[in-house]
Amino acid sequence: MGQGLWRIARNQQLQQQGYSGQGYLTREHGRRIPANVSNTSHRKQAQGGIDIYHLLKTRKSKEQEGFINLEMLPPELSFTILSYLNATDLCLASCVWQDLANDELLWQGLCKSTWGHCSIYNKNPPLGFSFRKLYMQLDEGSLTFNANPDEGVNYFMSKGILDDSPKEIAKFIFCTRTLNWKKLRIYLDERRDVLDDLVTLHNFRNQFLPNALREFFRHIHAPEERGEYLETLITKFSHRFCACNPDLMRELGLSPDAVYVLCYSLILLSIDLTSPHVKNKMSKREFIRNTRRAAQNISEDFVGHLYDNIYLIGHVAA
């Protein structure tokens, strides 16, 4: 709207300077100049103002320039530009710059940025291996996993991408963010050996307990309902947290069982404070009293800090 008003005011100014139905009449040093005088500045105004004239001129010059030819740039700069593209755009770019866009380093970067660990990365590549082909196989395998986890893992193994080892599968899951978390939860519930290795990949050293629990549940999503699987997850987390923080456990006098109680308390407090269905929220005093009743050796200040963290940051298993 501001630009429209500006143009209206500009047109009125031009009319006051000497516009007639027969053309523009301008005044310069008190002299009237006929409309048929060839003057560049007046022609610009007749075309709608100086701003439109320059806009059209700039647009025309840009159309004449066209796209930058990456083959004319230094290879390092061309590869840097192409490294910002995703797989789809890189395939399209290969239609124009085939040698550049099909470079193995670009596709290797795409593979490792999406799937951080694969067994094949640490092996001698077979004959005819290409990272572009590997990217397509990894993408196909991920889609298969998100439909059926067992079939997806078998696909990776059949292509030589993953070794048939719980530790290798756990590393693959830990370094991959394209897997459907609901399907992943089902798979880990069935493959407890993979779950054990996946838990050991987490490092909770010097982390505050609620923050460590959030990180844990970002990789291994908690079930929607309480049950044996949730208890298993909390038990494994408690032992891993204590193993990562032995000095802190001795200082606070905590054991894996005490950490287990605290984790359950944090989950219940998260539900209480974030659920819209709970009208009467648990107070800090109530949380301290209930938690210390279940774990008497825990200091009141430490439990109070736990409450503050949930109150300010939010759910630990969201």
Foldseek 3Di string as FASTA:
>chain_A
DVVVVVLVVVVVVQVVQAQDPVAGWHADPRDTDDRPDDDVQRVCVVVRHVVVVVVVVVVVVVVVVDDDDLVVDPLVVSLVVLLPDALVVLVVVCVPVVVNSQDQVSLVVNCCQAQVDWPVVPDDDDPPDGSNVVVVQLVVLQVVCQVPVVVSVVSCVVVVRHDPDLLRVLSRLQRHDSHDLVSVLVVCVVVVSNVLNNLLVDACAPHQLLVSLLVLCVSRAADPDDDDVNLVSLLSNLVNNCVNYVPVCVVQVHDSVLSSLVVVLLQVLLCQQPPPVNDDHDDLVNSLVVSCVVVVSGDSVSSSVSNVCCNPPGHSRD
